[in-house]
Amino acid sequence: MSLTLVTRLLLFLLLAIPAAIAGGHYGPQLADYLSQARVSTAQEARFESRAIVYRLESDRVTTFAFSQPVQLFKLIVHPTVGEADRVRTEGFVYGFRVRLIDGDDAQLAQHDIHFHAKSPDEVFASGTRWRFFRNRSELIAAQDSIEIASEARVARIELAALPSDRGVNGIDVRVYERRPVLGQQAIANFRRLSKDEQQALAGANVFPSDMLTSDEMNNIALNQWRPVGPVGIAGSDYVLHVVYEGLRPAAEREQGE
């Protein structure tokens, strides 16, 4: 055995012994920390669904064109606020303008719509569901929904934000149109859905999906809504964000009750 090899062996032992001692002392603590971090991250990131929303602006309209002219459409909308206004007891009044336009580019009607939203903390404390952004500091206040009907058929709509209460950073919206199904096609479409999809659509019924009558299946299928995207190029003609939705963590839910 050469002198160089002996020197290397001694150096290895000098480094290995302290490392083994430190590993024995801190190893369990480190493993426990990493385990808790993984659980915490999973809880923070847990969500049930996500949806694309579109930010309305006051100085530019956002246009949504339907797949075919409609007489009824639905809007789901919510305001966002900053951290400083999350507990504002009086809530927020916010509004937007919607213009209904036909296939010949003629304006059919114009509506200025206003809602009153509760503060994010009040909404969160009073319910079991919560909505949030994962990459933005804004907080989502209460979500509202409205259906707008028109005697004449609407080819597209234009949306713009109206002046709102102090603290409202932005207004996000989703637009929906009814799925175009007719007569017996509705029942056929419902029966072609998976068991889970049928159950989800029949959630408001007393009986499960396999006990629905033909009329009930027909009504459910006819009342399905599908999202409508805006016209143009993302980033230049409109701004989109992703909203996540899930159940409140059990520990926080118990504290709020």
C-alpha atoms as a PDB file:
ATOM      1  CA  MET A   1       0.000   0.000   0.000  1.00  0.00           C
ATOM      2  CA  SER A   2       1.492   3.350  -1.008  1.00  0.00           C
ATOM      3  CA  LEU A   3       1.745   6.375   1.287  1.00  0.00           C
ATOM      4  CA  THR A   4      -0.600   8.323  -0.994  1.00  0.00           C
ATOM      5  CA  LEU A   5      -3.330   5.715  -0.646  1.00  0.00           C
ATOM      6  CA  VAL A   6      -3.004   5.710   3.170  1.00  0.00           C
ATOM      7  CA  THR A   7      -3.308   9.490   3.218  1.00  0.00           C
ATOM      8  CA  ARG A   8      -6.448   9.372   1.075  1.00  0.00           C
ATOM      9  CA  LEU A   9      -8.003   6.731   3.330  1.00  0.00           C
ATOM     10  CA  LEU A  10      -7.349   8.781   6.473  1.00  0.00           C
ATOM     11  CA  LEU A  11      -8.800  11.895   4.853  1.00  0.00           C
ATOM     12  CA  PHE A  12     -11.933   9.988   3.845  1.00  0.00           C
ATOM     13  CA  LEU A  13     -12.426   8.714   7.396  1.00  0.00           C
ATOM     14  CA  LEU A  14     -11.973  12.192   8.849  1.00  0.00           C
ATOM     15  CA  LEU A  15     -14.732  13.523   6.593  1.00  0.00           C
ATOM     16  CA  ALA A  16     -17.079  10.551   6.856  1.00  0.00           C
ATOM     17  CA  ILE A  17     -17.229  10.331  10.658  1.00  0.00           C
ATOM     18  CA  PRO A  18     -18.559  13.896  11.259  1.00  0.00           C
ATOM     19  CA  ALA A  19     -21.022  13.485   8.406  1.00  0.00           C
ATOM     20  CA  ALA A  20     -22.355  10.260   9.918  1.00  0.00           C
ATOM     21  CA  ILE A  21     -22.721  11.911  13.331  1.00  0.00           C
ATOM     22  CA  ALA A  22     -24.544  14.899  11.872  1.00  0.00           C
ATOM     23  CA  GLY A  23     -26.786  12.643   9.812  1.00  0.00           C
ATOM     24  CA  GLY A  24     -27.763  10.626  12.858  1.00  0.00           C
ATOM     25  CA  HIS A  25     -28.564  13.758  14.827  1.00  0.00           C
ATOM     26  CA  TYR A  26     -30.321  15.885  12.207  1.00  0.00           C
ATOM     27  CA  GLY A  27     -31.597  13.205   9.840  1.00  0.00           C
ATOM     28  CA  PRO A  28     -34.956  12.546  11.576  1.00  0.00           C
ATOM     29  CA  GLN A  29     -35.618  16.278  11.970  1.00  0.00           C
ATOM     30  CA  LEU A  30     -34.812  16.925   8.317  1.00  0.00           C
ATOM     31  CA  ALA A  31     -37.043  14.060   7.174  1.00  0.00           C
ATOM     32  CA  ASP A  32     -39.900  15.349   9.342  1.00  0.00           C
ATOM     33  CA  TYR A  33     -39.489  18.886   7.975  1.00  0.00           C
ATOM     34  CA  LEU A  34     -39.531  17.705   4.368  1.00  0.00           C
ATOM     35  CA  SER A  35     -42.591  15.552   5.043  1.00  0.00           C
ATOM     36  CA  GLN A  36     -44.496  18.479   6.561  1.00  0.00           C
ATOM     37  CA  ALA A  37     -43.446  20.748   3.693  1.00  0.00           C
ATOM     38  CA  ARG A  38     -44.807  18.283   1.148  1.00  0.00           C
ATOM     39  CA  VAL A  39     -48.135  18.023   2.992  1.00  0.00           C
ATOM     40  CA  SER A  40     -48.367  21.807   3.350  1.00  0.00           C
ATOM     41  CA  THR A  41     -47.659  22.324  -0.346  1.00  0.00           C
ATOM     42  CA  ALA A  42     -50.277  19.749  -1.333  1.00  0.00           C
ATOM     43  CA  GLN A  43     -52.883  21.478   0.843  1.00  0.00           C
ATOM     44  CA  GLU A  44     -52.013  24.924  -0.497  1.00  0.00           C
ATOM     45  CA  ALA A  45     -52.189  23.736  -4.115  1.00  0.00           C
ATOM     46  CA  ARG A  46     -55.316  21.588  -3.815  1.00  0.00           C
ATOM     47  CA  PHE A  47     -58.160  22.695  -6.090  1.00  0.00           C
ATOM     48  CA  GLU A  48     -61.200  21.111  -7.722  1.00  0.00           C
ATOM     49  CA  SER A  49     -61.519  23.108 -10.915  1.00  0.00           C
ATOM     50  CA  ARG A  50     -60.156  26.060 -12.806  1.00  0.00           C
ATOM     51  CA  ALA A  51     -61.581  28.465 -15.343  1.00  0.00           C
ATOM     52  CA  ILE A  52     -60.339  31.163 -17.689  1.00  0.00           C
ATOM     53  CA  VAL A  53     -61.737  34.623 -16.962  1.00  0.00           C
ATOM     54  CA  TYR A  54     -61.369  37.814 -18.965  1.00  0.00           C
ATOM     55  CA  ARG A  55     -60.524  41.193 -17.452  1.00  0.00           C
ATOM     56  CA  LEU A  56     -62.853  44.025 -18.458  1.00  0.00           C
ATOM     57  CA  GLU A  57     -61.407  47.455 -19.156  1.00  0.00           C
ATOM     58  CA  SER A  58     -63.003  50.893 -19.069  1.00  0.00           C
ATOM     59  CA  ASP A  59     -61.237  52.342 -22.104  1.00  0.00           C
ATOM     60  CA  ARG A  60     -61.636  49.369 -24.445  1.00  0.00           C
ATOM     61  CA  VAL A  61     -64.448  46.918 -25.132  1.00  0.00           C
ATOM     62  CA  THR A  62     -63.965  43.155 -25.056  1.00  0.00           C
ATOM     63  CA  THR A  63     -66.009  41.461 -27.786  1.00  0.00           C
ATOM     64  CA  PHE A  64     -67.553  37.983 -27.571  1.00  0.00           C
ATOM     65  CA  ALA A  65     -69.077  36.409 -30.697  1.00  0.00           C
ATOM     66  CA  PHE A  66     -71.535  33.522 -30.347  1.00  0.00           C
ATOM     67  CA  SER A  67     -71.299  30.390 -32.468  1.00  0.00           C
ATOM     68  CA  GLN A  68     -74.728  31.277 -33.848  1.00  0.00           C
ATOM     69  CA  PRO A  69     -77.163  34.136 -33.066  1.00  0.00           C
ATOM     70  CA  VAL A  70     -78.816  33.657 -29.657  1.00  0.00           C
ATOM     71  CA  GLN A  71     -81.704  35.127 -27.695  1.00  0.00           C
ATOM     72  CA  LEU A  72     -80.309  34.257 -24.297  1.00  0.00           C
ATOM     73  CA  PHE A  73     -76.793  34.252 -22.846  1.00  0.00           C
ATOM     74  CA  LYS A  74     -75.256  34.128 -19.395  1.00  0.00           C
ATOM     75  CA  LEU A  75     -72.511  36.121 -17.689  1.00  0.00           C
ATOM     76  CA  ILE A  76     -70.555  35.059 -14.609  1.00  0.00           C
ATOM     77  CA  VAL A  77     -68.642  37.961 -13.136  1.00  0.00           C
ATOM     78  CA  HIS A  78     -66.624  38.883 -10.044  1.00  0.00           C
ATOM     79  CA  PRO A  79     -64.566  41.857  -8.854  1.00  0.00           C
ATOM     80  CA  THR A  80     -61.050  41.636  -7.469  1.00  0.00           C
ATOM     81  CA  VAL A  81     -59.685  43.732  -4.614  1.00  0.00           C
ATOM     82  CA  GLY A  82     -56.372  44.317  -2.902  1.00  0.00           C
ATOM     83  CA  GLU A  83     -55.124  42.939   0.394  1.00  0.00           C
ATOM     84  CA  ALA A  84     -55.966  46.167   2.251  1.00  0.00           C
ATOM     85  CA  ASP A  85     -59.683  45.834   1.393  1.00  0.00           C
ATOM     86  CA  ARG A  86     -60.182  42.150   2.110  1.00  0.00           C
ATOM     87  CA  VAL A  87     -62.244  42.816   5.280  1.00  0.00           C
ATOM     88  CA  ARG A  88     -64.193  45.869   4.110  1.00  0.00           C
ATOM     89  CA  THR A  89     -67.541  45.454   5.904  1.00  0.00           C
ATOM     90  CA  GLU A  90     -69.674  47.432   3.454  1.00  0.00           C
ATOM     91  CA  GLY A  91     -68.492  45.378   0.492  1.00  0.00           C
ATOM     92  CA  PHE A  92     -68.116  46.744  -3.024  1.00  0.00           C
ATOM     93  CA  VAL A  93     -70.396  48.041  -5.759  1.00  0.00           C
ATOM     94  CA  TYR A  94     -69.052  47.364  -9.223  1.00  0.00           C
ATOM     95  CA  GLY A  95     -70.496  47.554 -12.708  1.00  0.00           C
ATOM     96  CA  PHE A  96     -70.021  46.937 -16.405  1.00  0.00           C
ATOM     97  CA  ARG A  97     -71.744  47.809 -19.680  1.00  0.00           C
ATOM     98  CA  VAL A  98     -72.952  45.240 -22.217  1.00  0.00           C
ATOM     99  CA  ARG A  99     -73.943  46.102 -25.785  1.00  0.00           C
ATOM    100  CA  LEU A 100     -75.985  43.595 -27.802  1.00  0.00           C
ATOM    101  CA  ILE A 101     -75.230  43.592 -31.557  1.00  0.00           C
ATOM    102  CA  ASP A 102     -76.935  41.649 -34.331  1.00  0.00           C
ATOM    103  CA  GLY A 103     -75.512  40.026 -37.453  1.00  0.00           C
ATOM    104  CA  ASP A 104     -75.768  43.297 -39.421  1.00  0.00           C
ATOM    105  CA  ASP A 105     -73.633  45.192 -36.852  1.00  0.00           C
ATOM    106  CA  ALA A 106     -76.662  47.083 -35.555  1.00  0.00           C
ATOM    107  CA  GLN A 107     -76.950  47.702 -31.811  1.00  0.00           C
ATOM    108  CA  LEU A 108     -80.005  45.963 -30.368  1.00  0.00           C
ATOM    109  CA  ALA A 109     -79.701  47.139 -26.777  1.00  0.00           C
ATOM    110  CA  GLN A 110     -77.323  48.439 -24.136  1.00  0.00           C
ATOM    111  CA  HIS A 111     -77.425  47.578 -20.432  1.00  0.00           C
ATOM    112  CA  ASP A 112     -75.473  49.060 -17.528  1.00  0.00           C
ATOM    113  CA  ILE A 113     -75.332  46.368 -14.856  1.00  0.00           C
ATOM    114  CA  HIS A 114     -74.233  46.843 -11.253  1.00  0.00           C
ATOM    115  CA  PHE A 115     -73.714  44.297  -8.492  1.00  0.00           C
ATOM    116  CA  HIS A 116     -72.941  44.494  -4.800  1.00  0.00           C
ATOM    117  CA  ALA A 117     -70.207  42.078  -3.678  1.00  0.00           C
ATOM    118  CA  LYS A 118     -69.231  41.144  -0.139  1.00  0.00           C
ATOM    119  CA  SER A 119     -65.627  41.379   1.005  1.00  0.00           C
ATOM    120  CA  PRO A 120     -63.392  38.370   0.240  1.00  0.00           C
ATOM    121  CA  ASP A 121     -62.982  37.483   3.925  1.00  0.00           C
ATOM    122  CA  GLU A 122     -66.736  37.540   4.548  1.00  0.00           C
ATOM    123  CA  VAL A 123     -67.378  35.324   1.540  1.00  0.00           C
ATOM    124  CA  PHE A 124     -64.629  32.947   2.609  1.00  0.00           C
ATOM    125  CA  ALA A 125     -65.811  32.757   6.220  1.00  0.00           C
ATOM    126  CA  SER A 126     -69.462  32.134   5.342  1.00  0.00           C
ATOM    127  CA  GLY A 127     -68.993  29.360   2.800  1.00  0.00           C
ATOM    128  CA  THR A 128     -67.058  26.197   2.104  1.00  0.00           C
ATOM    129  CA  ARG A 129     -65.844  27.059  -1.386  1.00  0.00           C
ATOM    130  CA  TRP A 130     -63.133  29.537  -2.242  1.00  0.00           C
ATOM    131  CA  ARG A 131     -61.788  31.061  -5.453  1.00  0.00           C
ATOM    132  CA  PHE A 132     -58.280  32.359  -5.877  1.00  0.00           C
ATOM    133  CA  PHE A 133     -55.463  33.251  -8.260  1.00  0.00           C
ATOM    134  CA  ARG A 134     -52.238  31.296  -7.915  1.00  0.00           C
ATOM    135  CA  ASN A 135     -49.957  33.915  -9.446  1.00  0.00           C
ATOM    136  CA  ARG A 136     -51.584  37.239  -8.535  1.00  0.00           C
ATOM    137  CA  SER A 137     -51.908  39.191  -5.294  1.00  0.00           C
ATOM    138  CA  GLU A 138     -55.525  40.182  -6.036  1.00  0.00           C
ATOM    139  CA  LEU A 139     -58.325  38.662  -3.950  1.00  0.00           C
ATOM    140  CA  ILE A 140     -61.648  37.571  -5.441  1.00  0.00           C
ATOM    141  CA  ALA A 141     -64.839  38.932  -3.878  1.00  0.00           C
ATOM    142  CA  ALA A 142     -68.292  37.390  -4.285  1.00  0.00           C
ATOM    143  CA  GLN A 143     -69.189  35.920  -7.672  1.00  0.00           C
ATOM    144  CA  ASP A 144     -72.395  36.982  -9.457  1.00  0.00           C
ATOM    145  CA  SER A 145     -74.334  35.556 -12.381  1.00  0.00           C
ATOM    146  CA  ILE A 146     -76.917  37.046 -14.736  1.00  0.00           C
ATOM    147  CA  GLU A 147     -78.849  35.818 -17.769  1.00  0.00           C
ATOM    148  CA  ILE A 148     -79.727  38.375 -20.445  1.00  0.00           C
ATOM    149  CA  ALA A 149     -82.551  37.783 -22.921  1.00  0.00           C
ATOM    150  CA  SER A 150     -83.275  39.536 -26.200  1.00  0.00           C
ATOM    151  CA  GLU A 151     -86.293  39.362 -28.516  1.00  0.00           C
ATOM    152  CA  ALA A 152     -83.992  39.808 -31.495  1.00  0.00           C
ATOM    153  CA  ARG A 153     -81.125  37.405 -32.051  1.00  0.00           C
ATOM    154  CA  VAL A 154     -77.744  38.558 -30.801  1.00  0.00           C
ATOM    155  CA  ALA A 155     -74.641  37.779 -32.858  1.00  0.00           C
ATOM    156  CA  ARG A 156     -72.086  39.267 -30.473  1.00  0.00           C
ATOM    157  CA  ILE A 157     -71.746  41.374 -27.348  1.00  0.00           C
ATOM    158  CA  GLU A 158     -69.297  44.070 -26.260  1.00  0.00           C
ATOM    159  CA  LEU A 159     -68.356  44.421 -22.594  1.00  0.00           C
ATOM    160  CA  ALA A 160     -66.597  47.273 -20.790  1.00  0.00           C
ATOM    161  CA  ALA A 161     -66.002  48.098 -17.123  1.00  0.00           C
ATOM    162  CA  LEU A 162     -67.896  50.980 -15.513  1.00  0.00           C
ATOM    163  CA  PRO A 163     -66.632  53.156 -12.622  1.00  0.00           C
ATOM    164  CA  SER A 164     -66.755  51.083  -9.433  1.00  0.00           C
ATOM    165  CA  ASP A 165     -66.138  51.558  -5.717  1.00  0.00           C
ATOM    166  CA  ARG A 166     -62.696  52.411  -4.414  1.00  0.00           C
ATOM    167  CA  GLY A 167     -60.744  49.248  -3.831  1.00  0.00           C
ATOM    168  CA  VAL A 168     -61.992  47.351  -6.890  1.00  0.00           C
ATOM    169  CA  ASN A 169     -58.867  46.519  -8.892  1.00  0.00           C
ATOM    170  CA  GLY A 170     -60.603  44.808 -11.764  1.00  0.00           C
ATOM    171  CA  ILE A 171     -63.687  42.984 -13.015  1.00  0.00           C
ATOM    172  CA  ASP A 172     -63.413  39.517 -14.535  1.00  0.00           C
ATOM    173  CA  VAL A 173     -66.106  37.868 -16.624  1.00  0.00           C
ATOM    174  CA  ARG A 174     -67.051  34.605 -18.299  1.00  0.00           C
ATOM    175  CA  VAL A 175     -69.623  34.415 -21.115  1.00  0.00           C
ATOM    176  CA  TYR A 176     -71.811  31.375 -21.862  1.00  0.00           C
ATOM    177  CA  GLU A 177     -74.244  30.369 -24.594  1.00  0.00           C
ATOM    178  CA  ARG A 178     -76.693  27.465 -24.611  1.00  0.00           C
ATOM    179  CA  ARG A 179     -75.564  24.366 -26.413  1.00  0.00           C
ATOM    180  CA  PRO A 180     -77.432  24.168 -29.737  1.00  0.00           C
ATOM    181  CA  VAL A 181     -79.413  20.914 -29.392  1.00  0.00           C
ATOM    182  CA  LEU A 182     -82.928  20.156 -30.589  1.00  0.00           C
ATOM    183  CA  GLY A 183     -85.628  17.625 -29.750  1.00  0.00           C
ATOM    184  CA  GLN A 184     -84.582  14.024 -29.269  1.00  0.00           C
ATOM    185  CA  GLN A 185     -80.963  14.966 -29.969  1.00  0.00           C
ATOM    186  CA  ALA A 186     -80.804  16.340 -26.422  1.00  0.00           C
ATOM    187  CA  ILE A 187     -81.683  12.987 -24.846  1.00  0.00           C
ATOM    188  CA  ALA A 188     -79.254  11.168 -27.140  1.00  0.00           C
ATOM    189  CA  ASN A 189     -76.475  13.574 -26.152  1.00  0.00           C
ATOM    190  CA  PHE A 190     -77.223  13.064 -22.463  1.00  0.00           C
ATOM    191  CA  ARG A 191     -77.114   9.274 -22.778  1.00  0.00           C
ATOM    192  CA  ARG A 192     -73.767   9.438 -24.584  1.00  0.00           C
ATOM    193  CA  LEU A 193     -72.170  11.213 -21.623  1.00  0.00           C
ATOM    194  CA  SER A 194     -70.106   9.260 -19.123  1.00  0.00           C
ATOM    195  CA  LYS A 195     -71.650   8.208 -15.801  1.00  0.00           C
ATOM    196  CA  ASP A 196     -69.734  10.912 -13.943  1.00  0.00           C
ATOM    197  CA  GLU A 197     -70.802  13.622 -16.427  1.00  0.00           C
ATOM    198  CA  GLN A 198     -74.445  12.561 -16.179  1.00  0.00           C
ATOM    199  CA  GLN A 199     -74.266  12.601 -12.400  1.00  0.00           C
ATOM    200  CA  ALA A 200     -72.709  16.067 -12.380  1.00  0.00           C
ATOM    201  CA  LEU A 201     -75.441  17.485 -14.642  1.00  0.00           C
ATOM    202  CA  ALA A 202     -78.167  15.794 -12.592  1.00  0.00           C
ATOM    203  CA  GLY A 203     -76.778  17.013  -9.276  1.00  0.00           C
ATOM    204  CA  ALA A 204     -79.737  19.353  -8.643  1.00  0.00           C
ATOM    205  CA  ASN A 205     -82.293  16.557  -9.080  1.00  0.00           C
ATOM    206  CA  VAL A 206     -83.739  14.491  -6.244  1.00  0.00           C
ATOM    207  CA  PHE A 207     -83.072  11.210  -8.034  1.00  0.00           C
ATOM    208  CA  PRO A 208     -79.736   9.989  -9.462  1.00  0.00           C
ATOM    209  CA  SER A 209     -79.040  10.160 -13.186  1.00  0.00           C
ATOM    210  CA  ASP A 210     -80.059   6.519 -13.837  1.00  0.00           C
ATOM    211  CA  MET A 211     -83.575   7.223 -12.495  1.00  0.00           C
ATOM    212  CA  LEU A 212     -84.325  10.322 -14.563  1.00  0.00           C
ATOM    213  CA  THR A 213     -87.318  10.386 -16.900  1.00  0.00           C
ATOM    214  CA  SER A 214     -86.952  11.220 -20.581  1.00  0.00           C
ATOM    215  CA  ASP A 215     -88.364  14.713 -19.976  1.00  0.00           C
ATOM    216  CA  GLU A 216     -85.853  15.337 -17.182  1.00  0.00           C
ATOM    217  CA  MET A 217     -82.936  14.171 -19.334  1.00  0.00           C
ATOM    218  CA  ASN A 218     -84.190  16.359 -22.173  1.00  0.00           C
ATOM    219  CA  ASN A 219     -84.434  19.454 -19.947  1.00  0.00           C
ATOM    220  CA  ILE A 220     -80.968  18.891 -18.466  1.00  0.00           C
ATOM    221  CA  ALA A 221     -79.382  18.501 -21.902  1.00  0.00           C
ATOM    222  CA  LEU A 222     -81.180  21.549 -23.304  1.00  0.00           C
ATOM    223  CA  ASN A 223     -80.004  23.688 -20.395  1.00  0.00           C
ATOM    224  CA  GLN A 224     -76.302  22.992 -20.771  1.00  0.00           C
ATOM    225  CA  TRP A 225     -74.123  26.063 -21.230  1.00  0.00           C
ATOM    226  CA  ARG A 226     -70.788  26.300 -22.976  1.00  0.00           C
ATOM    227  CA  PRO A 227     -68.164  29.044 -22.620  1.00  0.00           C
ATOM    228  CA  VAL A 228     -67.611  31.645 -25.332  1.00  0.00           C
ATOM    229  CA  GLY A 229     -64.159  33.130 -25.866  1.00  0.00           C
ATOM    230  CA  PRO A 230     -63.422  36.737 -26.845  1.00  0.00           C
ATOM    231  CA  VAL A 231     -62.572  37.941 -30.325  1.00  0.00           C
ATOM    232  CA  GLY A 232     -58.980  38.900 -31.063  1.00  0.00           C
ATOM    233  CA  ILE A 233     -55.506  38.123 -29.797  1.00  0.00           C
ATOM    234  CA  ALA A 234     -54.721  37.463 -26.146  1.00  0.00           C
ATOM    235  CA  GLY A 235     -52.595  40.211 -24.635  1.00  0.00           C
ATOM    236  CA  SER A 236     -53.454  42.824 -27.245  1.00  0.00           C
ATOM    237  CA  ASP A 237     -57.244  42.594 -27.673  1.00  0.00           C
ATOM    238  CA  TYR A 238     -58.066  41.088 -24.285  1.00  0.00           C
ATOM    239  CA  VAL A 239     -56.454  39.982 -21.028  1.00  0.00           C
ATOM    240  CA  LEU A 240     -57.122  36.596 -19.471  1.00  0.00           C
ATOM    241  CA  HIS A 241     -56.427  35.083 -16.054  1.00  0.00           C
ATOM    242  CA  VAL A 242     -56.954  31.634 -14.546  1.00  0.00           C
ATOM    243  CA  VAL A 243     -59.189  31.292 -11.482  1.00  0.00           C
ATOM    244  CA  TYR A 244     -58.989  28.206  -9.266  1.00  0.00           C
ATOM    245  CA  GLU A 245     -61.826  26.902  -7.139  1.00  0.00           C
ATOM    246  CA  GLY A 246     -61.815  24.390  -4.319  1.00  0.00           C
ATOM    247  CA  LEU A 247     -62.977  23.542  -0.824  1.00  0.00           C
ATOM    248  CA  ARG A 248     -61.685  25.429   2.169  1.00  0.00           C
ATOM    249  CA  PRO A 249     -59.015  23.553   4.156  1.00  0.00           C
ATOM    250  CA  ALA A 250     -60.594  21.737   7.102  1.00  0.00           C
ATOM    251  CA  ALA A 251     -58.544  23.543   9.771  1.00  0.00           C
ATOM    252  CA  GLU A 252     -59.465  27.010   8.478  1.00  0.00           C
ATOM    253  CA  ARG A 253     -63.102  25.970   7.991  1.00  0.00           C
ATOM    254  CA  GLU A 254     -63.361  24.892  11.640  1.00  0.00           C
ATOM    255  CA  GLN A 255     -61.892  28.204  12.794  1.00  0.00           C
ATOM    256  CA  GLY A 256     -64.376  30.151  10.714  1.00  0.00           C
ATOM    257  CA  GLU A 257     -67.430  28.290  12.047  1.00  0.00           C
END
